[in-house]
PDB file of N, CA and C in Angstrom:
ATOM      1  N   UNK A   1      19.120  41.215  96.553  1.00  0.00           N
ATOM      2  CA  UNK A   1      19.624  41.643  95.255  1.00  0.00           C
ATOM      3  C   UNK A   1      20.517  42.849  95.505  1.00  0.00           C
ATOM      4  N   UNK A   2      21.736  42.773  95.042  1.00  0.00           N
ATOM      5  CA  UNK A   2      22.680  43.844  95.321  1.00  0.00           C
ATOM      6  C   UNK A   2      22.592  44.994  94.325  1.00  0.00           C
ATOM      7  N   UNK A   3      22.029  44.765  93.163  1.00  0.00           N
ATOM      8  CA  UNK A   3      21.933  45.806  92.155  1.00  0.00           C
ATOM      9  C   UNK A   3      20.818  46.776  92.526  1.00  0.00           C
ATOM     10  N   UNK A   4      21.157  48.043  92.831  1.00  0.00           N
ATOM     11  CA  UNK A   4      20.126  48.995  93.263  1.00  0.00           C
ATOM     12  C   UNK A   4      19.074  49.288  92.197  1.00  0.00           C
ATOM     13  N   UNK A   5      19.432  49.220  90.925  1.00  0.00           N
ATOM     14  CA  UNK A   5      18.448  49.461  89.867  1.00  0.00           C
ATOM     15  C   UNK A   5      17.402  48.358  89.861  1.00  0.00           C
ATOM     16  N   UNK A   6      17.844  47.115  89.946  1.00  0.00           N
ATOM     17  CA  UNK A   6      16.906  45.984  89.960  1.00  0.00           C
ATOM     18  C   UNK A   6      16.019  46.071  91.194  1.00  0.00           C
ATOM     19  N   UNK A   7      16.616  46.346  92.338  1.00  0.00           N
ATOM     20  CA  UNK A   7      15.849  46.461  93.579  1.00  0.00           C
ATOM     21  C   UNK A   7      14.790  47.563  93.467  1.00  0.00           C
ATOM     22  N   UNK A   8      15.185  48.722  92.973  1.00  0.00           N
ATOM     23  CA  UNK A   8      14.241  49.830  92.805  1.00  0.00           C
ATOM     24  C   UNK A   8      13.133  49.497  91.825  1.00  0.00           C
ATOM     25  N   UNK A   9      13.496  48.826  90.725  1.00  0.00           N
ATOM     26  CA  UNK A   9      12.498  48.450  89.732  1.00  0.00           C
ATOM     27  C   UNK A   9      11.497  47.455  90.317  1.00  0.00           C
ATOM     28  N   UNK A  10      11.991  46.486  91.087  1.00  0.00           N
ATOM     29  CA  UNK A  10      11.088  45.525  91.717  1.00  0.00           C
ATOM     30  C   UNK A  10      10.129  46.229  92.672  1.00  0.00           C
ATOM     31  N   UNK A  11      10.656  47.155  93.449  1.00  0.00           N
ATOM     32  CA  UNK A  11       9.815  47.873  94.407  1.00  0.00           C
ATOM     33  C   UNK A  11       8.773  48.745  93.706  1.00  0.00           C
ATOM     34  N   UNK A  12       9.141  49.343  92.564  1.00  0.00           N
ATOM     35  CA  UNK A  12       8.160  50.131  91.793  1.00  0.00           C
ATOM     36  C   UNK A  12       6.980  49.276  91.356  1.00  0.00           C
ATOM     37  N   UNK A  13       7.253  47.997  91.092  1.00  0.00           N
ATOM     38  CA  UNK A  13       6.192  47.094  90.647  1.00  0.00           C
ATOM     39  C   UNK A  13       5.518  46.373  91.818  1.00  0.00           C
ATOM     40  N   UNK A  14       5.876  46.765  93.038  1.00  0.00           N
ATOM     41  CA  UNK A  14       5.197  46.212  94.206  1.00  0.00           C
ATOM     42  C   UNK A  14       5.798  44.940  94.771  1.00  0.00           C
ATOM     43  N   UNK A  15       6.983  44.555  94.331  1.00  0.00           N
ATOM     44  CA  UNK A  15       7.652  43.379  94.886  1.00  0.00           C
ATOM     45  C   UNK A  15       8.597  43.827  95.998  1.00  0.00           C
ATOM     46  N   UNK A  16       8.929  42.910  96.904  1.00  0.00           N
ATOM     47  CA  UNK A  16       9.924  43.241  97.932  1.00  0.00           C
ATOM     48  C   UNK A  16      11.303  43.291  97.279  1.00  0.00           C
ATOM     49  N   UNK A  17      12.229  43.970  97.930  1.00  0.00           N
ATOM     50  CA  UNK A  17      13.564  44.154  97.371  1.00  0.00           C
ATOM     51  C   UNK A  17      14.277  42.827  97.160  1.00  0.00           C
ATOM     52  N   UNK A  18      14.004  41.830  97.996  1.00  0.00           N
ATOM     53  CA  UNK A  18      14.706  40.549  97.881  1.00  0.00           C
ATOM     54  C   UNK A  18      13.878  39.474  97.166  1.00  0.00           C
ATOM     55  N   UNK A  19      12.757  39.843  96.585  1.00  0.00           N
ATOM     56  CA  UNK A  19      11.865  38.876  95.934  1.00  0.00           C
ATOM     57  C   UNK A  19      12.574  38.068  94.857  1.00  0.00           C
ATOM     58  N   UNK A  20      13.278  38.731  93.954  1.00  0.00           N
ATOM     59  CA  UNK A  20      13.937  38.029  92.852  1.00  0.00           C
ATOM     60  C   UNK A  20      15.036  37.113  93.371  1.00  0.00           C
ATOM     61  N   UNK A  21      15.803  37.571  94.337  1.00  0.00           N
ATOM     62  CA  UNK A  21      16.874  36.739  94.882  1.00  0.00           C
ATOM     63  C   UNK A  21      16.298  35.472  95.513  1.00  0.00           C
ATOM     64  N   UNK A  22      15.186  35.614  96.226  1.00  0.00           N
ATOM     65  CA  UNK A  22      14.534  34.442  96.822  1.00  0.00           C
ATOM     66  C   UNK A  22      14.065  33.473  95.738  1.00  0.00           C
ATOM     67  N   UNK A  23      13.538  34.007  94.653  1.00  0.00           N
ATOM     68  CA  UNK A  23      13.115  33.160  93.528  1.00  0.00           C
ATOM     69  C   UNK A  23      14.299  32.382  92.955  1.00  0.00           C
ATOM     70  N   UNK A  24      15.415  33.086  92.749  1.00  0.00           N
ATOM     71  CA  UNK A  24      16.579  32.462  92.121  1.00  0.00           C
ATOM     72  C   UNK A  24      17.293  31.494  93.060  1.00  0.00           C
ATOM     73  N   UNK A  25      17.152  31.671  94.369  1.00  0.00           N
ATOM     74  CA  UNK A  25      17.784  30.773  95.339  1.00  0.00           C
ATOM     75  C   UNK A  25      17.034  29.456  95.499  1.00  0.00           C
ATOM     76  N   UNK A  26      15.798  29.391  95.022  1.00  0.00           N
ATOM     77  CA  UNK A  26      15.004  28.163  95.135  1.00  0.00           C
ATOM     78  C   UNK A  26      15.627  27.067  94.263  1.00  0.00           C
ATOM     79  N   UNK A  27      15.371  25.789  94.606  1.00  0.00           N
ATOM     80  CA  UNK A  27      15.924  24.697  93.803  1.00  0.00           C
ATOM     81  C   UNK A  27      15.392  24.728  92.368  1.00  0.00           C
ATOM     82  N   UNK A  28      16.191  24.237  91.446  1.00  0.00           N
ATOM     83  CA  UNK A  28      15.768  24.145  90.054  1.00  0.00           C
ATOM     84  C   UNK A  28      16.686  24.899  89.116  1.00  0.00           C
ATOM     85  N   UNK A  29      16.341  24.851  87.842  1.00  0.00           N
ATOM     86  CA  UNK A  29      17.114  25.502  86.792  1.00  0.00           C
ATOM     87  C   UNK A  29      17.026  27.018  86.928  1.00  0.00           C
ATOM     88  N   UNK A  30      18.178  27.677  86.945  1.00  0.00           N
ATOM     89  CA  UNK A  30      18.210  29.132  87.081  1.00  0.00           C
ATOM     90  C   UNK A  30      17.489  29.806  85.921  1.00  0.00           C
ATOM     91  N   UNK A  31      17.668  29.279  84.718  1.00  0.00           N
ATOM     92  CA  UNK A  31      17.006  29.862  83.547  1.00  0.00           C
ATOM     93  C   UNK A  31      15.489  29.766  83.702  1.00  0.00           C
ATOM     94  N   UNK A  32      15.011  28.597  84.091  1.00  0.00           N
ATOM     95  CA  UNK A  32      13.559  28.413  84.252  1.00  0.00           C
ATOM     96  C   UNK A  32      13.016  29.295  85.378  1.00  0.00           C
ATOM     97  N   UNK A  33      13.779  29.425  86.477  1.00  0.00           N
ATOM     98  CA  UNK A  33      13.329  30.279  87.590  1.00  0.00           C
ATOM     99  C   UNK A  33      13.264  31.734  87.157  1.00  0.00           C
ATOM    100  N   UNK A  34      14.258  32.190  86.392  1.00  0.00           N
ATOM    101  CA  UNK A  34      14.246  33.576  85.928  1.00  0.00           C
ATOM    102  C   UNK A  34      13.094  33.810  84.961  1.00  0.00           C
ATOM    103  N   UNK A  35      12.855  32.865  84.065  1.00  0.00           N
ATOM    104  CA  UNK A  35      11.738  33.021  83.118  1.00  0.00           C
ATOM    105  C   UNK A  35      10.400  33.057  83.866  1.00  0.00           C
ATOM    106  N   UNK A  36      10.259  32.223  84.903  1.00  0.00           N
ATOM    107  CA  UNK A  36       9.044  32.247  85.715  1.00  0.00           C
ATOM    108  C   UNK A  36       8.873  33.578  86.434  1.00  0.00           C
ATOM    109  N   UNK A  37       9.977  34.104  86.973  1.00  0.00           N
ATOM    110  CA  UNK A  37       9.937  35.405  87.657  1.00  0.00           C
ATOM    111  C   UNK A  37       9.565  36.508  86.675  1.00  0.00           C
ATOM    112  N   UNK A  38      10.122  36.448  85.459  1.00  0.00           N
ATOM    113  CA  UNK A  38       9.809  37.470  84.458  1.00  0.00           C
ATOM    114  C   UNK A  38       8.334  37.416  84.060  1.00  0.00           C
ATOM    115  N   UNK A  39       7.758  36.214  84.044  1.00  0.00           N
ATOM    116  CA  UNK A  39       6.325  36.096  83.743  1.00  0.00           C
ATOM    117  C   UNK A  39       5.504  36.748  84.855  1.00  0.00           C
ATOM    118  N   UNK A  40       5.907  36.535  86.111  1.00  0.00           N
ATOM    119  CA  UNK A  40       5.196  37.175  87.223  1.00  0.00           C
ATOM    120  C   UNK A  40       5.336  38.694  87.165  1.00  0.00           C
ATOM    121  N   UNK A  41       6.510  39.168  86.787  1.00  0.00           N
ATOM    122  CA  UNK A  41       6.734  40.611  86.646  1.00  0.00           C
ATOM    123  C   UNK A  41       5.827  41.172  85.546  1.00  0.00           C
ATOM    124  N   UNK A  42       5.724  40.431  84.441  1.00  0.00           N
ATOM    125  CA  UNK A  42       4.873  40.868  83.333  1.00  0.00           C
ATOM    126  C   UNK A  42       3.400  40.922  83.768  1.00  0.00           C
ATOM    127  N   UNK A  43       2.964  39.888  84.502  1.00  0.00           N
ATOM    128  CA  UNK A  43       1.576  39.878  84.996  1.00  0.00           C
ATOM    129  C   UNK A  43       1.312  41.065  85.919  1.00  0.00           C
ATOM    130  N   UNK A  44       2.273  41.358  86.798  1.00  0.00           N
ATOM    131  CA  UNK A  44       2.120  42.479  87.733  1.00  0.00           C
ATOM    132  C   UNK A  44       2.075  43.797  86.965  1.00  0.00           C
ATOM    133  N   UNK A  45       2.949  43.933  85.957  1.00  0.00           N
ATOM    134  CA  UNK A  45       2.957  45.163  85.155  1.00  0.00           C
ATOM    135  C   UNK A  45       1.615  45.364  84.461  1.00  0.00           C
ATOM    136  N   UNK A  46       1.060  44.302  83.901  1.00  0.00           N
ATOM    137  CA  UNK A  46      -0.230  44.416  83.212  1.00  0.00           C
ATOM    138  C   UNK A  46      -1.333  44.871  84.163  1.00  0.00           C
ATOM    139  N   UNK A  47      -1.350  44.300  85.370  1.00  0.00           N
ATOM    140  CA  UNK A  47      -2.360  44.701  86.356  1.00  0.00           C
ATOM    141  C   UNK A  47      -2.182  46.166  86.753  1.00  0.00           C
ATOM    142  N   UNK A  48      -0.933  46.570  86.979  1.00  0.00           N
ATOM    143  CA  UNK A  48      -0.681  47.954  87.371  1.00  0.00           C
ATOM    144  C   UNK A  48      -1.002  48.920  86.233  1.00  0.00           C
ATOM    145  N   UNK A  49      -0.790  48.478  84.984  1.00  0.00           N
ATOM    146  CA  UNK A  49      -1.088  49.333  83.831  1.00  0.00           C
ATOM    147  C   UNK A  49      -2.567  49.677  83.753  1.00  0.00           C
ATOM    148  N   UNK A  50      -3.413  48.738  84.176  1.00  0.00           N
ATOM    149  CA  UNK A  50      -4.858  48.988  84.162  1.00  0.00           C
ATOM    150  C   UNK A  50      -5.246  50.107  85.121  1.00  0.00           C
ATOM    151  N   UNK A  51      -4.415  50.353  86.112  1.00  0.00           N
ATOM    152  CA  UNK A  51      -4.692  51.393  87.100  1.00  0.00           C
ATOM    153  C   UNK A  51      -3.906  52.672  86.797  1.00  0.00           C
ATOM    154  N   UNK A  52      -2.652  52.519  86.398  1.00  0.00           N
ATOM    155  CA  UNK A  52      -1.736  53.652  86.267  1.00  0.00           C
ATOM    156  C   UNK A  52      -1.739  54.322  84.890  1.00  0.00           C
ATOM    157  N   UNK A  53      -2.296  53.658  83.879  1.00  0.00           N
ATOM    158  CA  UNK A  53      -2.252  54.215  82.525  1.00  0.00           C
ATOM    159  C   UNK A  53      -3.042  55.518  82.457  1.00  0.00           C
ATOM    160  N   UNK A  54      -2.473  56.540  81.798  1.00  0.00           N
ATOM    161  CA  UNK A  54      -3.163  57.844  81.704  1.00  0.00           C
ATOM    162  C   UNK A  54      -4.539  57.763  81.041  1.00  0.00           C
ATOM    163  N   UNK A  55      -4.740  56.816  80.147  1.00  0.00           N
ATOM    164  CA  UNK A  55      -6.036  56.692  79.474  1.00  0.00           C
ATOM    165  C   UNK A  55      -7.162  56.269  80.416  1.00  0.00           C
ATOM    166  N   UNK A  56      -6.789  55.693  81.569  1.00  0.00           N
ATOM    167  CA  UNK A  56      -7.820  55.286  82.530  1.00  0.00           C
ATOM    168  C   UNK A  56      -7.774  56.159  83.785  1.00  0.00           C
ATOM    169  N   UNK A  57      -7.158  57.346  83.640  1.00  0.00           N
ATOM    170  CA  UNK A  57      -7.120  58.298  84.742  1.00  0.00           C
ATOM    171  C   UNK A  57      -5.902  58.207  85.641  1.00  0.00           C
ATOM    172  N   UNK A  58      -4.926  57.386  85.243  1.00  0.00           N
ATOM    173  CA  UNK A  58      -3.711  57.257  86.036  1.00  0.00           C
ATOM    174  C   UNK A  58      -2.748  58.403  85.777  1.00  0.00           C
ATOM    175  N   UNK A  59      -1.729  58.456  86.584  1.00  0.00           N
ATOM    176  CA  UNK A  59      -0.697  59.484  86.488  1.00  0.00           C
ATOM    177  C   UNK A  59       0.312  59.076  85.411  1.00  0.00           C
ATOM    178  N   UNK A  60       0.516  59.947  84.424  1.00  0.00           N
ATOM    179  CA  UNK A  60       1.413  59.624  83.307  1.00  0.00           C
ATOM    180  C   UNK A  60       2.844  59.370  83.773  1.00  0.00           C
ATOM    181  N   UNK A  61       3.334  60.189  84.697  1.00  0.00           N
ATOM    182  CA  UNK A  61       4.706  60.034  85.188  1.00  0.00           C
ATOM    183  C   UNK A  61       4.882  58.679  85.880  1.00  0.00           C
ATOM    184  N   UNK A  62       3.931  58.301  86.720  1.00  0.00           N
ATOM    185  CA  UNK A  62       4.006  57.008  87.404  1.00  0.00           C
ATOM    186  C   UNK A  62       3.946  55.857  86.405  1.00  0.00           C
ATOM    187  N   UNK A  63       3.085  55.989  85.401  1.00  0.00           N
ATOM    188  CA  UNK A  63       2.984  54.931  84.397  1.00  0.00           C
ATOM    189  C   UNK A  63       4.300  54.778  83.644  1.00  0.00           C
ATOM    190  N   UNK A  64       4.914  55.880  83.262  1.00  0.00           N
ATOM    191  CA  UNK A  64       6.194  55.824  82.544  1.00  0.00           C
ATOM    192  C   UNK A  64       7.254  55.157  83.425  1.00  0.00           C
ATOM    193  N   UNK A  65       7.273  55.476  84.718  1.00  0.00           N
ATOM    194  CA  UNK A  65       8.243  54.866  85.633  1.00  0.00           C
ATOM    195  C   UNK A  65       8.066  53.356  85.718  1.00  0.00           C
ATOM    196  N   UNK A  66       6.820  52.891  85.855  1.00  0.00           N
ATOM    197  CA  UNK A  66       6.633  51.438  85.959  1.00  0.00           C
ATOM    198  C   UNK A  66       6.884  50.748  84.620  1.00  0.00           C
ATOM    199  N   UNK A  67       6.558  51.418  83.510  1.00  0.00           N
ATOM    200  CA  UNK A  67       6.832  50.825  82.203  1.00  0.00           C
ATOM    201  C   UNK A  67       8.334  50.673  81.986  1.00  0.00           C
ATOM    202  N   UNK A  68       9.105  51.695  82.339  1.00  0.00           N
ATOM    203  CA  UNK A  68      10.557  51.621  82.178  1.00  0.00           C
ATOM    204  C   UNK A  68      11.158  50.573  83.110  1.00  0.00           C
ATOM    205  N   UNK A  69      10.634  50.472  84.331  1.00  0.00           N
ATOM    206  CA  UNK A  69      11.103  49.446  85.272  1.00  0.00           C
ATOM    207  C   UNK A  69      10.822  48.057  84.700  1.00  0.00           C
ATOM    208  N   UNK A  70       9.612  47.871  84.176  1.00  0.00           N
ATOM    209  CA  UNK A  70       9.242  46.598  83.564  1.00  0.00           C
ATOM    210  C   UNK A  70      10.175  46.257  82.412  1.00  0.00           C
ATOM    211  N   UNK A  71      10.447  47.216  81.544  1.00  0.00           N
ATOM    212  CA  UNK A  71      11.318  46.969  80.388  1.00  0.00           C
ATOM    213  C   UNK A  71      12.729  46.583  80.823  1.00  0.00           C
ATOM    214  N   UNK A  72      13.249  47.250  81.859  1.00  0.00           N
ATOM    215  CA  UNK A  72      14.591  46.888  82.356  1.00  0.00           C
ATOM    216  C   UNK A  72      14.596  45.477  82.939  1.00  0.00           C
ATOM    217  N   UNK A  73      13.565  45.144  83.716  1.00  0.00           N
ATOM    218  CA  UNK A  73      13.512  43.816  84.335  1.00  0.00           C
ATOM    219  C   UNK A  73      13.341  42.714  83.299  1.00  0.00           C
ATOM    220  N   UNK A  74      12.678  43.005  82.193  1.00  0.00           N
ATOM    221  CA  UNK A  74      12.523  41.994  81.146  1.00  0.00           C
ATOM    222  C   UNK A  74      13.835  41.718  80.412  1.00  0.00           C
ATOM    223  N   UNK A  75      14.821  42.579  80.588  1.00  0.00           N
ATOM    224  CA  UNK A  75      16.116  42.381  79.937  1.00  0.00           C
ATOM    225  C   UNK A  75      17.075  41.543  80.772  1.00  0.00           C
ATOM    226  N   UNK A  76      16.664  41.152  81.991  1.00  0.00           N
ATOM    227  CA  UNK A  76      17.536  40.334  82.833  1.00  0.00           C
ATOM    228  C   UNK A  76      17.827  39.012  82.137  1.00  0.00           C
ATOM    229  N   UNK A  77      19.064  38.603  82.181  1.00  0.00           N
ATOM    230  CA  UNK A  77      19.498  37.352  81.551  1.00  0.00           C
ATOM    231  C   UNK A  77      20.381  36.585  82.520  1.00  0.00           C
ATOM    232  N   UNK A  78      20.404  35.283  82.355  1.00  0.00           N
ATOM    233  CA  UNK A  78      21.309  34.443  83.129  1.00  0.00           C
ATOM    234  C   UNK A  78      22.637  34.396  82.396  1.00  0.00           C
ATOM    235  N   UNK A  79      23.691  34.756  83.084  1.00  0.00           N
ATOM    236  CA  UNK A  79      25.030  34.682  82.512  1.00  0.00           C
ATOM    237  C   UNK A  79      25.630  33.333  82.885  1.00  0.00           C
ATOM    238  N   UNK A  80      25.965  32.508  81.899  1.00  0.00           N
ATOM    239  CA  UNK A  80      26.543  31.208  82.232  1.00  0.00           C
ATOM    240  C   UNK A  80      27.892  31.380  82.931  1.00  0.00           C
ATOM    241  N   UNK A  81      28.123  30.534  83.924  1.00  0.00           N
ATOM    242  CA  UNK A  81      29.411  30.561  84.593  1.00  0.00           C
ATOM    243  C   UNK A  81      30.417  29.868  83.698  1.00  0.00           C
ATOM    244  N   UNK A  82      31.540  30.501  83.514  1.00  0.00           N
ATOM    245  CA  UNK A  82      32.570  29.909  82.665  1.00  0.00           C
ATOM    246  C   UNK A  82      33.595  29.211  83.536  1.00  0.00           C
ATOM    247  N   UNK A  83      33.899  27.987  83.158  1.00  0.00           N
ATOM    248  CA  UNK A  83      34.925  27.246  83.875  1.00  0.00           C
ATOM    249  C   UNK A  83      36.283  27.858  83.548  1.00  0.00           C
ATOM    250  N   UNK A  84      37.191  27.838  84.498  1.00  0.00           N
ATOM    251  CA  UNK A  84      38.518  28.379  84.206  1.00  0.00           C
ATOM    252  C   UNK A  84      39.221  27.533  83.157  1.00  0.00           C
ATOM    253  N   UNK A  85      39.987  28.177  82.326  1.00  0.00           N
ATOM    254  CA  UNK A  85      40.750  27.464  81.303  1.00  0.00           C
ATOM    255  C   UNK A  85      42.065  27.031  81.918  1.00  0.00           C
ATOM    256  N   UNK A  86      42.362  25.765  81.760  1.00  0.00           N
ATOM    257  CA  UNK A  86      43.588  25.198  82.311  1.00  0.00           C
ATOM    258  C   UNK A  86      44.533  24.926  81.154  1.00  0.00           C
ATOM    259  N   UNK A  87      45.738  25.422  81.254  1.00  0.00           N
ATOM    260  CA  UNK A  87      46.760  25.156  80.241  1.00  0.00           C
ATOM    261  C   UNK A  87      47.934  24.479  80.924  1.00  0.00           C
ATOM    262  N   UNK A  88      48.296  23.328  80.430  1.00  0.00           N
ATOM    263  CA  UNK A  88      49.440  22.589  80.971  1.00  0.00           C
ATOM    264  C   UNK A  88      50.463  22.456  79.854  1.00  0.00           C
ATOM    265  N   UNK A  89      51.666  22.880  80.142  1.00  0.00           N
ATOM    266  CA  UNK A  89      52.721  22.814  79.122  1.00  0.00           C
ATOM    267  C   UNK A  89      53.872  21.944  79.603  1.00  0.00           C
ATOM    268  N   UNK A  90      54.629  21.424  78.648  1.00  0.00           N
ATOM    269  CA  UNK A  90      55.834  20.651  78.960  1.00  0.00           C
ATOM    270  C   UNK A  90      57.000  21.619  79.082  1.00  0.00           C
ATOM    271  N   UNK A  91      58.100  21.134  79.632  1.00  0.00           N
ATOM    272  CA  UNK A  91      59.262  22.002  79.829  1.00  0.00           C
ATOM    273  C   UNK A  91      59.804  22.544  78.508  1.00  0.00           C
ATOM    274  N   UNK A  92      59.570  21.822  77.399  1.00  0.00           N
ATOM    275  CA  UNK A  92      60.036  22.317  76.105  1.00  0.00           C
ATOM    276  C   UNK A  92      59.035  23.267  75.446  1.00  0.00           C
ATOM    277  N   UNK A  93      57.939  23.589  76.172  1.00  0.00           N
ATOM    278  CA  UNK A  93      56.969  24.547  75.660  1.00  0.00           C
ATOM    279  C   UNK A  93      55.782  23.927  74.950  1.00  0.00           C
ATOM    280  N   UNK A  94      55.794  22.621  74.743  1.00  0.00           N
ATOM    281  CA  UNK A  94      54.665  21.970  74.081  1.00  0.00           C
ATOM    282  C   UNK A  94      53.442  21.952  74.984  1.00  0.00           C
ATOM    283  N   UNK A  95      52.289  22.152  74.400  1.00  0.00           N
ATOM    284  CA  UNK A  95      51.047  22.173  75.179  1.00  0.00           C
ATOM    285  C   UNK A  95      50.515  20.755  75.300  1.00  0.00           C
ATOM    286  N   UNK A  96      50.313  20.310  76.549  1.00  0.00           N
ATOM    287  CA  UNK A  96      49.743  18.988  76.792  1.00  0.00           C
ATOM    288  C   UNK A  96      48.219  19.080  76.813  1.00  0.00           C
ATOM    289  N   UNK A  97      47.715  20.113  77.441  1.00  0.00           N
ATOM    290  CA  UNK A  97      46.269  20.271  77.589  1.00  0.00           C
ATOM    291  C   UNK A  97      45.937  21.750  77.650  1.00  0.00           C
ATOM    292  N   UNK A  98      44.882  22.134  76.971  1.00  0.00           N
ATOM    293  CA  UNK A  98      44.416  23.519  77.014  1.00  0.00           C
ATOM    294  C   UNK A  98      42.897  23.485  76.918  1.00  0.00           C
ATOM    295  N   UNK A  99      42.220  23.759  78.015  1.00  0.00           N
ATOM    296  CA  UNK A  99      40.766  23.739  77.984  1.00  0.00           C
ATOM    297  C   UNK A  99      40.165  23.882  79.359  1.00  0.00           C
ATOM    298  N   UNK A 100      38.861  23.688  79.446  1.00  0.00           N
ATOM    299  CA  UNK A 100      38.177  23.844  80.719  1.00  0.00           C
ATOM    300  C   UNK A 100      37.538  22.544  81.195  1.00  0.00           C
ATOM    301  N   UNK A 101      37.718  21.455  80.465  1.00  0.00           N
ATOM    302  CA  UNK A 101      37.137  20.172  80.845  1.00  0.00           C
ATOM    303  C   UNK A 101      38.035  19.513  81.884  1.00  0.00           C
ATOM    304  N   UNK A 102      37.705  19.713  83.154  1.00  0.00           N
ATOM    305  CA  UNK A 102      38.573  19.205  84.212  1.00  0.00           C
ATOM    306  C   UNK A 102      38.592  17.685  84.260  1.00  0.00           C
ATOM    307  N   UNK A 103      37.514  17.033  83.814  1.00  0.00           N
ATOM    308  CA  UNK A 103      37.508  15.568  83.793  1.00  0.00           C
ATOM    309  C   UNK A 103      38.574  15.061  82.821  1.00  0.00           C
ATOM    310  N   UNK A 104      38.677  15.702  81.658  1.00  0.00           N
ATOM    311  CA  UNK A 104      39.704  15.316  80.690  1.00  0.00           C
ATOM    312  C   UNK A 104      41.093  15.585  81.253  1.00  0.00           C
ATOM    313  N   UNK A 105      41.241  16.717  81.917  1.00  0.00           N
ATOM    314  CA  UNK A 105      42.523  17.078  82.523  1.00  0.00           C
ATOM    315  C   UNK A 105      42.922  16.043  83.560  1.00  0.00           C
ATOM    316  N   UNK A 106      41.995  15.631  84.404  1.00  0.00           N
ATOM    317  CA  UNK A 106      42.296  14.643  85.433  1.00  0.00           C
ATOM    318  C   UNK A 106      42.656  13.298  84.826  1.00  0.00           C
ATOM    319  N   UNK A 107      41.954  12.877  83.765  1.00  0.00           N
ATOM    320  CA  UNK A 107      42.254  11.578  83.164  1.00  0.00           C
ATOM    321  C   UNK A 107      43.634  11.567  82.513  1.00  0.00           C
ATOM    322  N   UNK A 108      44.068  12.700  82.010  1.00  0.00           N
ATOM    323  CA  UNK A 108      45.391  12.775  81.388  1.00  0.00           C
ATOM    324  C   UNK A 108      46.487  12.593  82.433  1.00  0.00           C
ATOM    325  N   UNK A 109      46.282  13.162  83.602  1.00  0.00           N
ATOM    326  CA  UNK A 109      47.358  13.216  84.591  1.00  0.00           C
ATOM    327  C   UNK A 109      47.199  12.268  85.772  1.00  0.00           C
ATOM    328  N   UNK A 110      46.245  11.365  85.729  1.00  0.00           N
ATOM    329  CA  UNK A 110      46.033  10.510  86.894  1.00  0.00           C
ATOM    330  C   UNK A 110      47.188   9.544  87.150  1.00  0.00           C
ATOM    331  N   UNK A 111      47.941   9.170  86.136  1.00  0.00           N
ATOM    332  CA  UNK A 111      49.042   8.225  86.320  1.00  0.00           C
ATOM    333  C   UNK A 111      50.410   8.887  86.246  1.00  0.00           C
ATOM    334  N   UNK A 112      50.450  10.207  86.340  1.00  0.00           N
ATOM    335  CA  UNK A 112      51.723  10.922  86.252  1.00  0.00           C
ATOM    336  C   UNK A 112      52.427  10.949  87.612  1.00  0.00           C
ATOM    337  N   UNK A 113      53.746  11.018  87.555  1.00  0.00           N
ATOM    338  CA  UNK A 113      54.535  11.235  88.750  1.00  0.00           C
ATOM    339  C   UNK A 113      54.981  12.678  88.716  1.00  0.00           C
ATOM    340  N   UNK A 114      54.774  13.382  89.815  1.00  0.00           N
ATOM    341  CA  UNK A 114      55.054  14.812  89.851  1.00  0.00           C
ATOM    342  C   UNK A 114      56.300  15.102  90.661  1.00  0.00           C
ATOM    343  N   UNK A 115      57.094  16.012  90.177  1.00  0.00           N
ATOM    344  CA  UNK A 115      58.268  16.503  90.902  1.00  0.00           C
ATOM    345  C   UNK A 115      58.075  17.995  91.080  1.00  0.00           C
ATOM    346  N   UNK A 116      58.171  18.436  92.320  1.00  0.00           N
ATOM    347  CA  UNK A 116      58.020  19.861  92.600  1.00  0.00           C
ATOM    348  C   UNK A 116      59.414  20.441  92.739  1.00  0.00           C
ATOM    349  N   UNK A 117      59.708  21.446  91.944  1.00  0.00           N
ATOM    350  CA  UNK A 117      61.003  22.106  91.999  1.00  0.00           C
ATOM    351  C   UNK A 117      60.926  23.255  92.998  1.00  0.00           C
ATOM    352  N   UNK A 118      61.899  23.306  93.877  1.00  0.00           N
ATOM    353  CA  UNK A 118      61.947  24.373  94.864  1.00  0.00           C
ATOM    354  C   UNK A 118      62.765  25.545  94.362  1.00  0.00           C
ATOM    355  N   UNK A 119      62.778  26.599  95.159  1.00  0.00           N
ATOM    356  CA  UNK A 119      63.526  27.805  94.788  1.00  0.00           C
ATOM    357  C   UNK A 119      65.031  27.548  94.745  1.00  0.00           C
ATOM    358  N   UNK A 120      65.538  26.616  95.564  1.00  0.00           N
ATOM    359  CA  UNK A 120      66.979  26.376  95.651  1.00  0.00           C
ATOM    360  C   UNK A 120      67.473  25.409  94.591  1.00  0.00           C
ATOM    361  N   UNK A 121      66.606  24.887  93.786  1.00  0.00           N
ATOM    362  CA  UNK A 121      67.006  23.888  92.793  1.00  0.00           C
ATOM    363  C   UNK A 121      67.553  24.502  91.526  1.00  0.00           C
TER     364      UNK A 121
END
């Protein structure tokens, strides 16, 4: 994990620095893997709270640190990858295609003949 805040937060809760990255690299849905990891983080926080909470004799500063780390880690979200937007225009400026659906783009142009204009033309 390249984000130092996430790495530090994981280590505060007793996970290795690369634990989350290993979880996310496993096969399967990224959203489901992240939700599973967040559940494990929540379980770990609850166990640590039983030891670190000031009401049970724990250190208040340490408890606040792990609580804040837990809260930050629970805010992790999967950002969907956005496909690049492709815009194809005609020489007169009319738009033939504007979007990110490459399958549609390919079907439009599969029977086209292309002419490449050089610098000397």
